[in-house]
Structure formats: structure tokens, C-alpha cells
Amino acid sequence: DVLDPERLLQCPYDKHHQIRACRFPYHLVKCRKSHPEEAKQLATCPFNARHLLPHHHLSDHILKCSDRGFVEQDI
């Protein structure tokens, strides 16, 4: 269930980190500081800051992002 706050998500900075969804935003901030080289390789989705992906995948992700509708709805 994607809305379950207890589901585990994989950290984009360290593939060995499995973080509960409710703690994921806090973990991203902490782990980004611990892994500056990996952070340079990743781009942040403009619709959801939890979506981190390689720079060359960003434009494709923007077109398909599931959170795009929420932002466009607000505009």
C-alpha cells in the first residue's frame, strides 16, 4: 500500500538503507550530507522532493511523475 507510513523505501544515496516512509524525508536530508558525491549525481523532481533520480532521467520523470497532477491542480 503506497499510503502505508510503515512501508520501507530504499534510500537513493545508500542502497543498503531501508527507511520507513514516515521517516523518509528526514532521512534524505541527513543522508544527503553524508553522501555528497552521490548527491551531486541526483536531481530532485520539481513535483515531489522525495523523488531523486539521475540527472539524465529527470526530463522523462517529469512527464510521467504521479505527483504532477497535484501541483498542476493547485495552479
C-alpha atoms as a PDB file:
ATOM      1  CA  ASP A   1       0.000   0.000   0.000  1.00  0.00           C
ATOM      2  CA  VAL A   2       1.600   3.277  -1.117  1.00  0.00           C
ATOM      3  CA  LEU A   3      -0.113   5.226   1.670  1.00  0.00           C
ATOM      4  CA  ASP A   4       1.198   2.997   4.472  1.00  0.00           C
ATOM      5  CA  PRO A   5       3.574   5.112   6.625  1.00  0.00           C
ATOM      6  CA  GLU A   6       5.339   1.937   7.807  1.00  0.00           C
ATOM      7  CA  ARG A   7       6.291   0.643   4.337  1.00  0.00           C
ATOM      8  CA  LEU A   8      10.008   0.543   3.607  1.00  0.00           C
ATOM      9  CA  LEU A   9      11.621   2.730   0.964  1.00  0.00           C
ATOM     10  CA  GLN A  10      15.127   2.434  -0.395  1.00  0.00           C
ATOM     11  CA  CYS A  11      17.429   5.390   0.161  1.00  0.00           C
ATOM     12  CA  PRO A  12      18.704   6.859  -3.129  1.00  0.00           C
ATOM     13  CA  TYR A  13      22.062   7.720  -1.550  1.00  0.00           C
ATOM     14  CA  ASP A  14      22.851   4.361   0.048  1.00  0.00           C
ATOM     15  CA  LYS A  15      21.207   1.250  -1.400  1.00  0.00           C
ATOM     16  CA  HIS A  16      21.647  -0.582   1.911  1.00  0.00           C
ATOM     17  CA  HIS A  17      19.341   1.842   3.745  1.00  0.00           C
ATOM     18  CA  GLN A  18      15.692   0.800   4.050  1.00  0.00           C
ATOM     19  CA  ILE A  19      13.689   3.628   5.629  1.00  0.00           C
ATOM     20  CA  ARG A  20      10.073   3.746   6.816  1.00  0.00           C
ATOM     21  CA  ALA A  21       8.004   6.064   4.614  1.00  0.00           C
ATOM     22  CA  CYS A  22       7.091   8.307   7.541  1.00  0.00           C
ATOM     23  CA  ARG A  23      10.813   8.962   8.254  1.00  0.00           C
ATOM     24  CA  PHE A  24      11.955   9.176   4.628  1.00  0.00           C
ATOM     25  CA  PRO A  25      12.062  12.999   4.225  1.00  0.00           C
ATOM     26  CA  TYR A  26      14.184  13.375   7.375  1.00  0.00           C
ATOM     27  CA  HIS A  27      16.492  10.582   6.295  1.00  0.00           C
ATOM     28  CA  LEU A  28      17.038  12.181   2.872  1.00  0.00           C
ATOM     29  CA  VAL A  29      18.296  15.411   4.445  1.00  0.00           C
ATOM     30  CA  LYS A  30      20.656  13.549   6.771  1.00  0.00           C
ATOM     31  CA  CYS A  31      21.915  11.080   4.204  1.00  0.00           C
ATOM     32  CA  ARG A  32      22.472  13.767   1.553  1.00  0.00           C
ATOM     33  CA  LYS A  33      25.013  15.407   3.877  1.00  0.00           C
ATOM     34  CA  SER A  34      26.728  12.074   4.489  1.00  0.00           C
ATOM     35  CA  HIS A  35      26.968  11.228   0.769  1.00  0.00           C
ATOM     36  CA  PRO A  36      27.877  14.460  -1.081  1.00  0.00           C
ATOM     37  CA  GLU A  37      29.272  12.674  -4.154  1.00  0.00           C
ATOM     38  CA  GLU A  38      26.093  10.659  -4.665  1.00  0.00           C
ATOM     39  CA  ALA A  39      24.028  13.817  -4.078  1.00  0.00           C
ATOM     40  CA  LYS A  40      25.784  15.546  -6.980  1.00  0.00           C
ATOM     41  CA  GLN A  41      24.676  12.736  -9.299  1.00  0.00           C
ATOM     42  CA  LEU A  42      20.978  13.022  -8.441  1.00  0.00           C
ATOM     43  CA  ALA A  43      18.331  15.545  -9.480  1.00  0.00           C
ATOM     44  CA  THR A  44      15.214  16.397  -7.464  1.00  0.00           C
ATOM     45  CA  CYS A  45      11.778  16.181  -9.032  1.00  0.00           C
ATOM     46  CA  PRO A  46      10.037  19.598  -9.048  1.00  0.00           C
ATOM     47  CA  PHE A  47       6.748  17.945  -8.052  1.00  0.00           C
ATOM     48  CA  ASN A  48       7.960  15.820  -5.132  1.00  0.00           C
ATOM     49  CA  ALA A  49      11.266  16.337  -3.313  1.00  0.00           C
ATOM     50  CA  ARG A  50      11.261  12.653  -2.324  1.00  0.00           C
ATOM     51  CA  HIS A  51      11.832  11.701  -5.962  1.00  0.00           C
ATOM     52  CA  LEU A  52      15.589  11.685  -6.533  1.00  0.00           C
ATOM     53  CA  LEU A  53      16.963  10.284  -9.765  1.00  0.00           C
ATOM     54  CA  PRO A  54      19.966  10.617 -12.073  1.00  0.00           C
ATOM     55  CA  HIS A  55      20.074  13.946 -13.945  1.00  0.00           C
ATOM     56  CA  HIS A  56      19.676  12.300 -17.353  1.00  0.00           C
ATOM     57  CA  HIS A  57      16.339  10.741 -16.270  1.00  0.00           C
ATOM     58  CA  LEU A  58      14.781  13.946 -14.910  1.00  0.00           C
ATOM     59  CA  SER A  59      13.009  15.181 -18.063  1.00  0.00           C
ATOM     60  CA  ASP A  60      11.439  11.758 -18.656  1.00  0.00           C
ATOM     61  CA  HIS A  61      10.395  11.536 -14.998  1.00  0.00           C
ATOM     62  CA  ILE A  62       8.762  14.983 -15.102  1.00  0.00           C
ATOM     63  CA  LEU A  63       6.492  13.847 -17.914  1.00  0.00           C
ATOM     64  CA  LYS A  64       5.444  10.692 -16.029  1.00  0.00           C
ATOM     65  CA  CYS A  65       5.539  11.839 -12.383  1.00  0.00           C
ATOM     66  CA  SER A  66       2.458  10.713 -10.468  1.00  0.00           C
ATOM     67  CA  ASP A  67       2.565  13.882  -8.329  1.00  0.00           C
ATOM     68  CA  ARG A  68       2.463  16.215 -11.334  1.00  0.00           C
ATOM     69  CA  GLY A  69      -1.337  16.299 -11.271  1.00  0.00           C
ATOM     70  CA  PHE A  70      -1.451  17.555  -7.693  1.00  0.00           C
ATOM     71  CA  VAL A  71       0.762  20.543  -8.482  1.00  0.00           C
ATOM     72  CA  GLU A  72      -0.986  21.368 -11.751  1.00  0.00           C
ATOM     73  CA  GLN A  73      -4.326  21.166  -9.942  1.00  0.00           C
ATOM     74  CA  ASP A  74      -3.174  23.860  -7.485  1.00  0.00           C
ATOM     75  CA  ILE A  75      -2.144  26.158 -10.340  1.00  0.00           C
END
